[in-house]
Amino acid sequence: MNRAERTRILTGMIQAAAEAGTKVREMAAAGVVARSKPDASPVTDADEAAEAIIEKHLNALLPGVPMIGEEAVAGGASRKPGSIFFLVDPIDGTREFIAKRSAYTVNIGLLIDGTPALGVIYAPALAELYAGGVSGAVKLALSPGANPADVSHEPIRVRTPGKNLLACVSHSHLDSGTTAWLKKHSISESLKIGSSIKFCRVAEGKADVYPRMAPVSEWDIAAGHAILMAAGGSVRAPDGTPLHYGKKKDGYEVENFIASGGKQF
């Protein structure tokens, strides 16, 4: 897959995320009704509507390439990832969405041989869209309903770390392992925020690291992984080994990871 093809695909992924995010905002304005999935996690009609919009776009963009979506998997879909596949979380941070907070995102990642190659994260309530690929990472100030083609693309890059490091941590899921990791690395300042926006804050140089020492699903982090890599950062297991995606037999679960900016841990 050459540079021109990847650029075409990333443009299509941006359009898909923008349309899905706009739909999510429209449905939020009409009122959110939540219910529980078999694993007791929450889901809304907006999650399912956004995933359907994204799948339609991606099927047209790369016919025959499988899309592994959170809601499809929760519904019992058994589609297998191939050497090239998409990972999609239509609303990352559903709890934030239900609580009418702004820190939720639409996540779309393209994986090649188990490694994130392209990623898009759209936070419609914040009017922020991030994308990463072969030409680096960019940020768009994109209001719901706006056309991404009409909005300027601002290049973003991880920052050079200073003496005092700032970590991004989960607003709703801060675990004891992550707290211990922060203490071990003498990081006392942290930014609590929901969803995959944490990857974006590191990618755009507003934070230095996003550690998570608790399990998370692949569709939660694949897009952010791609964007952070494109911005000059990295995402690895705590022992430094690369993450590999598409582990269907493990329920698409990632045990833990460190998302780093300009400083490697």
C-alpha atoms as a PDB file:
ATOM      1  CA  MET A   1       0.000   0.000   0.000  1.00  0.00           C
ATOM      2  CA  ASN A   2       1.790   3.146  -1.222  1.00  0.00           C
ATOM      3  CA  ARG A   3       1.724   6.673   0.208  1.00  0.00           C
ATOM      4  CA  ALA A   4      -0.978   7.915  -2.189  1.00  0.00           C
ATOM      5  CA  GLU A   5      -3.268   5.011  -1.307  1.00  0.00           C
ATOM      6  CA  ARG A   6      -2.774   5.526   2.420  1.00  0.00           C
ATOM      7  CA  THR A   7      -3.533   9.218   2.020  1.00  0.00           C
ATOM      8  CA  ARG A   8      -6.739   8.379   0.165  1.00  0.00           C
ATOM      9  CA  ILE A   9      -7.791   5.927   2.852  1.00  0.00           C
ATOM     10  CA  LEU A  10      -7.012   8.343   5.697  1.00  0.00           C
ATOM     11  CA  THR A  11      -9.100  11.025   3.999  1.00  0.00           C
ATOM     12  CA  GLY A  12     -11.991   8.571   3.818  1.00  0.00           C
ATOM     13  CA  MET A  13     -11.546   7.620   7.475  1.00  0.00           C
ATOM     14  CA  ILE A  14     -11.699  11.309   8.441  1.00  0.00           C
ATOM     15  CA  GLN A  15     -14.953  11.711   6.512  1.00  0.00           C
ATOM     16  CA  ALA A  16     -16.405   8.604   8.190  1.00  0.00           C
ATOM     17  CA  ALA A  17     -15.499   9.831  11.680  1.00  0.00           C
ATOM     18  CA  ALA A  18     -16.864  13.296  10.951  1.00  0.00           C
ATOM     19  CA  GLU A  19     -20.222  11.962   9.776  1.00  0.00           C
ATOM     20  CA  ALA A  20     -20.483   9.529  12.688  1.00  0.00           C
ATOM     21  CA  GLY A  21     -19.589  12.249  15.194  1.00  0.00           C
ATOM     22  CA  THR A  22     -22.198  14.565  13.757  1.00  0.00           C
ATOM     23  CA  LYS A  23     -24.831  11.845  14.117  1.00  0.00           C
ATOM     24  CA  VAL A  24     -23.790  11.218  17.723  1.00  0.00           C
ATOM     25  CA  ARG A  25     -24.214  14.910  18.565  1.00  0.00           C
ATOM     26  CA  GLU A  26     -27.635  14.987  16.922  1.00  0.00           C
ATOM     27  CA  MET A  27     -28.763  11.967  18.924  1.00  0.00           C
ATOM     28  CA  ALA A  28     -27.348  13.413  22.138  1.00  0.00           C
ATOM     29  CA  ALA A  29     -29.474  16.523  21.653  1.00  0.00           C
ATOM     30  CA  ALA A  30     -32.556  14.333  21.340  1.00  0.00           C
ATOM     31  CA  GLY A  31     -31.804  12.558  24.629  1.00  0.00           C
ATOM     32  CA  VAL A  32     -29.609   9.593  25.510  1.00  0.00           C
ATOM     33  CA  VAL A  33     -31.100   6.286  26.616  1.00  0.00           C
ATOM     34  CA  ALA A  34     -28.574   3.776  27.916  1.00  0.00           C
ATOM     35  CA  ARG A  35     -28.845   0.038  28.392  1.00  0.00           C
ATOM     36  CA  SER A  36     -26.404  -2.672  29.451  1.00  0.00           C
ATOM     37  CA  LYS A  37     -24.533  -5.127  27.237  1.00  0.00           C
ATOM     38  CA  PRO A  38     -23.881  -8.715  28.358  1.00  0.00           C
ATOM     39  CA  ASP A  39     -20.580  -7.631  29.955  1.00  0.00           C
ATOM     40  CA  ALA A  40     -22.498  -4.973  31.955  1.00  0.00           C
ATOM     41  CA  SER A  41     -20.886  -2.077  30.067  1.00  0.00           C
ATOM     42  CA  PRO A  42     -23.250   0.622  28.797  1.00  0.00           C
ATOM     43  CA  VAL A  43     -24.398   1.115  25.207  1.00  0.00           C
ATOM     44  CA  THR A  44     -26.748   3.583  23.511  1.00  0.00           C
ATOM     45  CA  ASP A  45     -28.523   3.831  20.182  1.00  0.00           C
ATOM     46  CA  ALA A  46     -25.916   6.431  19.240  1.00  0.00           C
ATOM     47  CA  ASP A  47     -23.108   3.845  19.552  1.00  0.00           C
ATOM     48  CA  GLU A  48     -24.898   1.554  17.122  1.00  0.00           C
ATOM     49  CA  ALA A  49     -25.877   4.304  14.691  1.00  0.00           C
ATOM     50  CA  ALA A  50     -22.324   5.645  14.564  1.00  0.00           C
ATOM     51  CA  GLU A  51     -20.865   2.181  13.970  1.00  0.00           C
ATOM     52  CA  ALA A  52     -23.291   1.593  11.082  1.00  0.00           C
ATOM     53  CA  ILE A  53     -22.269   4.896   9.461  1.00  0.00           C
ATOM     54  CA  ILE A  54     -18.585   4.081   9.798  1.00  0.00           C
ATOM     55  CA  GLU A  55     -19.003   0.570   8.404  1.00  0.00           C
ATOM     56  CA  LYS A  56     -20.818   1.913   5.346  1.00  0.00           C
ATOM     57  CA  HIS A  57     -17.965   4.330   4.647  1.00  0.00           C
ATOM     58  CA  LEU A  58     -15.220   1.782   5.212  1.00  0.00           C
ATOM     59  CA  ASN A  59     -16.888  -0.864   3.055  1.00  0.00           C
ATOM     60  CA  ALA A  60     -16.909   1.620   0.179  1.00  0.00           C
ATOM     61  CA  LEU A  61     -13.370   2.779   0.927  1.00  0.00           C
ATOM     62  CA  LEU A  62     -11.753  -0.673   1.048  1.00  0.00           C
ATOM     63  CA  PRO A  63     -14.229  -3.323  -0.142  1.00  0.00           C
ATOM     64  CA  GLY A  64     -13.636  -6.707   1.432  1.00  0.00           C
ATOM     65  CA  VAL A  65     -11.406  -5.432   4.236  1.00  0.00           C
ATOM     66  CA  PRO A  66     -12.924  -6.510   7.574  1.00  0.00           C
ATOM     67  CA  MET A  67     -14.043  -4.002  10.159  1.00  0.00           C
ATOM     68  CA  ILE A  68     -13.889  -5.130  13.785  1.00  0.00           C
ATOM     69  CA  GLY A  69     -16.353  -2.868  15.599  1.00  0.00           C
ATOM     70  CA  GLU A  70     -17.014  -2.861  19.330  1.00  0.00           C
ATOM     71  CA  GLU A  71     -20.767  -3.141  19.011  1.00  0.00           C
ATOM     72  CA  ALA A  72     -20.625  -5.848  16.347  1.00  0.00           C
ATOM     73  CA  VAL A  73     -18.333  -7.930  18.562  1.00  0.00           C
ATOM     74  CA  ALA A  74     -20.612  -7.334  21.555  1.00  0.00           C
ATOM     75  CA  GLY A  75     -23.513  -8.566  19.422  1.00  0.00           C
ATOM     76  CA  GLY A  76     -21.732 -11.838  18.660  1.00  0.00           C
ATOM     77  CA  ALA A  77     -20.168 -11.064  15.268  1.00  0.00           C
ATOM     78  CA  SER A  78     -17.358 -13.505  14.471  1.00  0.00           C
ATOM     79  CA  ARG A  79     -15.591 -11.675  11.639  1.00  0.00           C
ATOM     80  CA  LYS A  80     -11.871 -12.462  11.608  1.00  0.00           C
ATOM     81  CA  PRO A  81      -9.224  -9.786  11.113  1.00  0.00           C
ATOM     82  CA  GLY A  82      -6.974 -10.229   8.105  1.00  0.00           C
ATOM     83  CA  SER A  83      -3.533  -8.870   7.281  1.00  0.00           C
ATOM     84  CA  ILE A  84      -5.332  -5.542   6.764  1.00  0.00           C
ATOM     85  CA  PHE A  85      -8.357  -4.632   8.902  1.00  0.00           C
ATOM     86  CA  PHE A  86     -10.080  -1.783  10.693  1.00  0.00           C
ATOM     87  CA  LEU A  87     -10.670  -1.449  14.442  1.00  0.00           C
ATOM     88  CA  VAL A  88     -13.581   0.834  15.347  1.00  0.00           C
ATOM     89  CA  ASP A  89     -14.998   2.199  18.576  1.00  0.00           C
ATOM     90  CA  PRO A  90     -18.016   4.304  17.551  1.00  0.00           C
ATOM     91  CA  ILE A  91     -18.133   6.051  20.932  1.00  0.00           C
ATOM     92  CA  ASP A  92     -15.088   5.651  23.130  1.00  0.00           C
ATOM     93  CA  GLY A  93     -16.080   6.937  26.533  1.00  0.00           C
ATOM     94  CA  THR A  94     -19.746   5.953  26.450  1.00  0.00           C
ATOM     95  CA  ARG A  95     -19.980   6.705  30.163  1.00  0.00           C
ATOM     96  CA  GLU A  96     -18.761  10.245  29.469  1.00  0.00           C
ATOM     97  CA  PHE A  97     -21.354  10.518  26.686  1.00  0.00           C
ATOM     98  CA  ILE A  98     -24.187   9.301  28.914  1.00  0.00           C
ATOM     99  CA  ALA A  99     -23.128  11.691  31.683  1.00  0.00           C
ATOM    100  CA  LYS A 100     -23.279  14.574  29.150  1.00  0.00           C
ATOM    101  CA  ARG A 101     -19.571  15.299  29.498  1.00  0.00           C
ATOM    102  CA  SER A 102     -17.548  16.260  26.430  1.00  0.00           C
ATOM    103  CA  ALA A 103     -14.650  13.795  26.604  1.00  0.00           C
ATOM    104  CA  TYR A 104     -15.876  11.064  24.266  1.00  0.00           C
ATOM    105  CA  THR A 105     -14.592  10.188  20.833  1.00  0.00           C
ATOM    106  CA  VAL A 106     -15.139   8.321  17.585  1.00  0.00           C
ATOM    107  CA  ASN A 107     -12.147   6.041  16.928  1.00  0.00           C
ATOM    108  CA  ILE A 108     -11.126   4.469  13.613  1.00  0.00           C
ATOM    109  CA  GLY A 109      -7.830   2.646  13.144  1.00  0.00           C
ATOM    110  CA  LEU A 110      -6.390   0.799  10.143  1.00  0.00           C
ATOM    111  CA  LEU A 111      -4.114  -2.100  11.001  1.00  0.00           C
ATOM    112  CA  ILE A 112      -1.552  -3.673   8.678  1.00  0.00           C
ATOM    113  CA  ASP A 113       0.051  -6.927   9.837  1.00  0.00           C
ATOM    114  CA  GLY A 114      -1.165  -6.261  13.373  1.00  0.00           C
ATOM    115  CA  THR A 115       0.383  -2.783  13.606  1.00  0.00           C
ATOM    116  CA  PRO A 116      -1.548   0.527  13.560  1.00  0.00           C
ATOM    117  CA  ALA A 117      -0.880   2.304  10.264  1.00  0.00           C
ATOM    118  CA  LEU A 118      -3.568   5.016  10.121  1.00  0.00           C
ATOM    119  CA  GLY A 119      -5.749   6.512  12.823  1.00  0.00           C
ATOM    120  CA  VAL A 120      -8.538   9.045  13.295  1.00  0.00           C
ATOM    121  CA  ILE A 121     -10.012  10.270  16.579  1.00  0.00           C
ATOM    122  CA  TYR A 122     -12.900  12.743  16.557  1.00  0.00           C
ATOM    123  CA  ALA A 123     -14.191  14.437  19.688  1.00  0.00           C
ATOM    124  CA  PRO A 124     -17.361  16.103  18.341  1.00  0.00           C
ATOM    125  CA  ALA A 125     -18.341  17.794  21.604  1.00  0.00           C
ATOM    126  CA  LEU A 126     -14.903  19.466  21.681  1.00  0.00           C
ATOM    127  CA  ALA A 127     -14.856  20.126  17.912  1.00  0.00           C
ATOM    128  CA  GLU A 128     -11.443  18.440  17.688  1.00  0.00           C
ATOM    129  CA  LEU A 129     -10.372  15.828  15.142  1.00  0.00           C
ATOM    130  CA  TYR A 130      -6.949  14.181  15.092  1.00  0.00           C
ATOM    131  CA  ALA A 131      -5.476  12.039  12.325  1.00  0.00           C
ATOM    132  CA  GLY A 132      -2.180  10.289  11.797  1.00  0.00           C
ATOM    133  CA  GLY A 133      -0.507   8.475   8.926  1.00  0.00           C
ATOM    134  CA  VAL A 134       2.487   8.453   6.610  1.00  0.00           C
ATOM    135  CA  SER A 135       2.701  12.263   6.394  1.00  0.00           C
ATOM    136  CA  GLY A 136       2.637  12.819  10.165  1.00  0.00           C
ATOM    137  CA  ALA A 137      -0.145  13.800  12.538  1.00  0.00           C
ATOM    138  CA  VAL A 138      -2.608  16.689  12.261  1.00  0.00           C
ATOM    139  CA  LYS A 139      -5.366  18.368  14.240  1.00  0.00           C
ATOM    140  CA  LEU A 140      -8.534  19.866  12.762  1.00  0.00           C
ATOM    141  CA  ALA A 141     -10.853  22.296  14.542  1.00  0.00           C
ATOM    142  CA  LEU A 142     -13.950  20.532  13.234  1.00  0.00           C
ATOM    143  CA  SER A 143     -17.443  21.397  14.413  1.00  0.00           C
ATOM    144  CA  PRO A 144     -20.132  18.725  13.922  1.00  0.00           C
ATOM    145  CA  GLY A 145     -21.647  19.079  10.467  1.00  0.00           C
ATOM    146  CA  ALA A 146     -18.617  20.838   8.981  1.00  0.00           C
ATOM    147  CA  ASN A 147     -16.775  19.384   5.989  1.00  0.00           C
ATOM    148  CA  PRO A 148     -13.220  18.271   6.914  1.00  0.00           C
ATOM    149  CA  ALA A 149     -12.070  19.263   3.419  1.00  0.00           C
ATOM    150  CA  ASP A 150     -12.916  22.890   4.242  1.00  0.00           C
ATOM    151  CA  VAL A 151     -10.929  22.968   7.509  1.00  0.00           C
ATOM    152  CA  SER A 152      -7.196  23.633   7.851  1.00  0.00           C
ATOM    153  CA  HIS A 153      -4.970  20.773   9.032  1.00  0.00           C
ATOM    154  CA  GLU A 154      -2.574  21.844  11.801  1.00  0.00           C
ATOM    155  CA  PRO A 155       0.520  19.602  12.115  1.00  0.00           C
ATOM    156  CA  ILE A 156       1.100  18.299  15.652  1.00  0.00           C
ATOM    157  CA  ARG A 157       4.156  16.775  17.313  1.00  0.00           C
ATOM    158  CA  VAL A 158       5.094  15.386  20.719  1.00  0.00           C
ATOM    159  CA  ARG A 159       7.013  17.762  22.947  1.00  0.00           C
ATOM    160  CA  THR A 160      10.517  17.560  24.353  1.00  0.00           C
ATOM    161  CA  PRO A 161      10.029  16.600  28.000  1.00  0.00           C
ATOM    162  CA  GLY A 162      11.000  19.046  30.711  1.00  0.00           C
ATOM    163  CA  LYS A 163      11.998  18.388  34.296  1.00  0.00           C
ATOM    164  CA  ASN A 164       8.441  17.927  35.531  1.00  0.00           C
ATOM    165  CA  LEU A 165       6.427  15.427  33.513  1.00  0.00           C
ATOM    166  CA  LEU A 166       2.658  15.533  32.998  1.00  0.00           C
ATOM    167  CA  ALA A 167       0.714  12.289  32.642  1.00  0.00           C
ATOM    168  CA  CYS A 168      -2.748  11.729  31.214  1.00  0.00           C
ATOM    169  CA  VAL A 169      -4.850   9.291  33.219  1.00  0.00           C
ATOM    170  CA  SER A 170      -8.381   7.970  33.015  1.00  0.00           C
ATOM    171  CA  HIS A 171     -11.205  10.079  34.405  1.00  0.00           C
ATOM    172  CA  SER A 172     -13.382   7.044  35.163  1.00  0.00           C
ATOM    173  CA  HIS A 173     -10.990   4.071  35.298  1.00  0.00           C
ATOM    174  CA  LEU A 174      -7.862   5.130  37.200  1.00  0.00           C
ATOM    175  CA  ASP A 175      -6.487   1.881  38.651  1.00  0.00           C
ATOM    176  CA  SER A 176      -4.024   1.184  41.455  1.00  0.00           C
ATOM    177  CA  GLY A 177      -1.418  -0.214  39.050  1.00  0.00           C
ATOM    178  CA  THR A 178      -1.321   3.034  37.097  1.00  0.00           C
ATOM    179  CA  THR A 179      -1.113   5.058  40.306  1.00  0.00           C
ATOM    180  CA  ALA A 180       1.846   2.920  41.408  1.00  0.00           C
ATOM    181  CA  TRP A 181       3.541   3.396  38.015  1.00  0.00           C
ATOM    182  CA  LEU A 182       3.234   7.173  38.308  1.00  0.00           C
ATOM    183  CA  LYS A 183       4.768   7.080  41.768  1.00  0.00           C
ATOM    184  CA  LYS A 184       7.617   4.845  40.588  1.00  0.00           C
ATOM    185  CA  HIS A 185       8.488   7.343  37.868  1.00  0.00           C
ATOM    186  CA  SER A 186       8.089  10.363  40.186  1.00  0.00           C
ATOM    187  CA  ILE A 187       5.248  11.847  38.159  1.00  0.00           C
ATOM    188  CA  SER A 188       3.082  13.846  40.528  1.00  0.00           C
ATOM    189  CA  GLU A 189       1.122  15.941  38.034  1.00  0.00           C
ATOM    190  CA  SER A 190      -1.657  14.332  36.015  1.00  0.00           C
ATOM    191  CA  LEU A 191      -4.500  15.327  33.739  1.00  0.00           C
ATOM    192  CA  LYS A 192      -7.676  13.314  34.264  1.00  0.00           C
ATOM    193  CA  ILE A 193      -9.664  12.987  31.067  1.00  0.00           C
ATOM    194  CA  GLY A 194     -11.940  10.413  29.467  1.00  0.00           C
ATOM    195  CA  SER A 195     -11.581   8.340  26.303  1.00  0.00           C
ATOM    196  CA  SER A 196      -8.766   8.276  23.761  1.00  0.00           C
ATOM    197  CA  ILE A 197      -8.327  12.051  23.987  1.00  0.00           C
ATOM    198  CA  LYS A 198      -5.433  11.146  26.290  1.00  0.00           C
ATOM    199  CA  PHE A 199      -3.456   9.895  23.272  1.00  0.00           C
ATOM    200  CA  CYS A 200      -4.196  13.159  21.480  1.00  0.00           C
ATOM    201  CA  ARG A 201      -2.966  15.317  24.350  1.00  0.00           C
ATOM    202  CA  VAL A 202       0.371  13.487  24.284  1.00  0.00           C
ATOM    203  CA  ALA A 203       0.515  13.620  20.472  1.00  0.00           C
ATOM    204  CA  GLU A 204      -0.039  17.386  20.366  1.00  0.00           C
ATOM    205  CA  GLY A 205       2.564  18.075  23.059  1.00  0.00           C
ATOM    206  CA  LYS A 206       0.227  18.985  25.912  1.00  0.00           C
ATOM    207  CA  ALA A 207       1.292  15.996  28.050  1.00  0.00           C
ATOM    208  CA  ASP A 208       4.234  13.601  28.193  1.00  0.00           C
ATOM    209  CA  VAL A 209       2.851  10.131  28.836  1.00  0.00           C
ATOM    210  CA  TYR A 210      -0.345   8.108  29.113  1.00  0.00           C
ATOM    211  CA  PRO A 211       0.192   4.927  31.158  1.00  0.00           C
ATOM    212  CA  ARG A 212      -2.488   2.308  31.682  1.00  0.00           C
ATOM    213  CA  MET A 213      -1.840  -0.745  33.842  1.00  0.00           C
ATOM    214  CA  ALA A 214      -5.302  -2.271  33.437  1.00  0.00           C
ATOM    215  CA  PRO A 215      -6.863  -4.180  30.501  1.00  0.00           C
ATOM    216  CA  VAL A 216      -8.409  -2.277  27.619  1.00  0.00           C
ATOM    217  CA  SER A 217      -9.890  -3.291  24.275  1.00  0.00           C
ATOM    218  CA  GLU A 218      -7.935  -2.972  21.024  1.00  0.00           C
ATOM    219  CA  TRP A 219     -10.542  -0.660  19.459  1.00  0.00           C
ATOM    220  CA  ASP A 220     -10.061   1.738  22.379  1.00  0.00           C
ATOM    221  CA  ILE A 221      -6.413   2.389  21.547  1.00  0.00           C
ATOM    222  CA  ALA A 222      -5.573   1.439  17.922  1.00  0.00           C
ATOM    223  CA  ALA A 223      -6.452   4.856  16.452  1.00  0.00           C
ATOM    224  CA  GLY A 224      -4.617   6.706  19.217  1.00  0.00           C
ATOM    225  CA  HIS A 225      -1.612   4.422  18.771  1.00  0.00           C
ATOM    226  CA  ALA A 226      -1.403   5.326  15.069  1.00  0.00           C
ATOM    227  CA  ILE A 227      -1.776   9.060  15.728  1.00  0.00           C
ATOM    228  CA  LEU A 228       0.833   9.117  18.482  1.00  0.00           C
ATOM    229  CA  MET A 229       3.338   7.209  16.349  1.00  0.00           C
ATOM    230  CA  ALA A 230       2.764   9.655  13.489  1.00  0.00           C
ATOM    231  CA  ALA A 231       3.432  12.522  15.929  1.00  0.00           C
ATOM    232  CA  GLY A 232       6.778  11.052  16.989  1.00  0.00           C
ATOM    233  CA  GLY A 233       5.716   9.055  20.037  1.00  0.00           C
ATOM    234  CA  SER A 234       5.313   5.371  20.782  1.00  0.00           C
ATOM    235  CA  VAL A 235       2.943   2.881  22.394  1.00  0.00           C
ATOM    236  CA  ARG A 236       4.421  -0.257  23.922  1.00  0.00           C
ATOM    237  CA  ALA A 237       3.883  -2.791  26.668  1.00  0.00           C
ATOM    238  CA  PRO A 238       5.481  -1.806  30.006  1.00  0.00           C
ATOM    239  CA  ASP A 239       8.437  -4.116  29.266  1.00  0.00           C
ATOM    240  CA  GLY A 240       9.089  -2.284  25.993  1.00  0.00           C
ATOM    241  CA  THR A 241       7.747  -4.898  23.588  1.00  0.00           C
ATOM    242  CA  PRO A 242       5.552  -3.740  20.677  1.00  0.00           C
ATOM    243  CA  LEU A 243       1.775  -4.192  20.863  1.00  0.00           C
ATOM    244  CA  HIS A 244       0.207  -6.536  18.317  1.00  0.00           C
ATOM    245  CA  TYR A 245      -3.448  -6.155  17.331  1.00  0.00           C
ATOM    246  CA  GLY A 246      -6.056  -8.539  15.991  1.00  0.00           C
ATOM    247  CA  LYS A 247      -6.002 -11.043  18.867  1.00  0.00           C
ATOM    248  CA  LYS A 248      -9.506 -12.411  18.397  1.00  0.00           C
ATOM    249  CA  LYS A 249      -8.833 -15.450  20.590  1.00  0.00           C
ATOM    250  CA  ASP A 250      -7.991 -13.100  23.479  1.00  0.00           C
ATOM    251  CA  GLY A 251     -11.183 -11.111  23.002  1.00  0.00           C
ATOM    252  CA  TYR A 252      -9.241  -8.230  21.447  1.00  0.00           C
ATOM    253  CA  GLU A 253      -7.852  -7.314  24.851  1.00  0.00           C
ATOM    254  CA  VAL A 254      -4.645  -5.408  25.572  1.00  0.00           C
ATOM    255  CA  GLU A 255      -3.352  -6.112  29.075  1.00  0.00           C
ATOM    256  CA  ASN A 256      -1.541  -2.789  29.634  1.00  0.00           C
ATOM    257  CA  PHE A 257       0.582  -0.203  27.825  1.00  0.00           C
ATOM    258  CA  ILE A 258       2.646   2.969  28.028  1.00  0.00           C
ATOM    259  CA  ALA A 259       1.919   5.692  25.469  1.00  0.00           C
ATOM    260  CA  SER A 260       4.962   7.970  25.431  1.00  0.00           C
ATOM    261  CA  GLY A 261       5.743  11.306  23.859  1.00  0.00           C
ATOM    262  CA  GLY A 262       9.301  12.641  23.669  1.00  0.00           C
ATOM    263  CA  LYS A 263      10.523  10.577  26.626  1.00  0.00           C
ATOM    264  CA  GLN A 264      10.750   6.787  26.500  1.00  0.00           C
ATOM    265  CA  PHE A 265      10.004   4.839  29.693  1.00  0.00           C
END
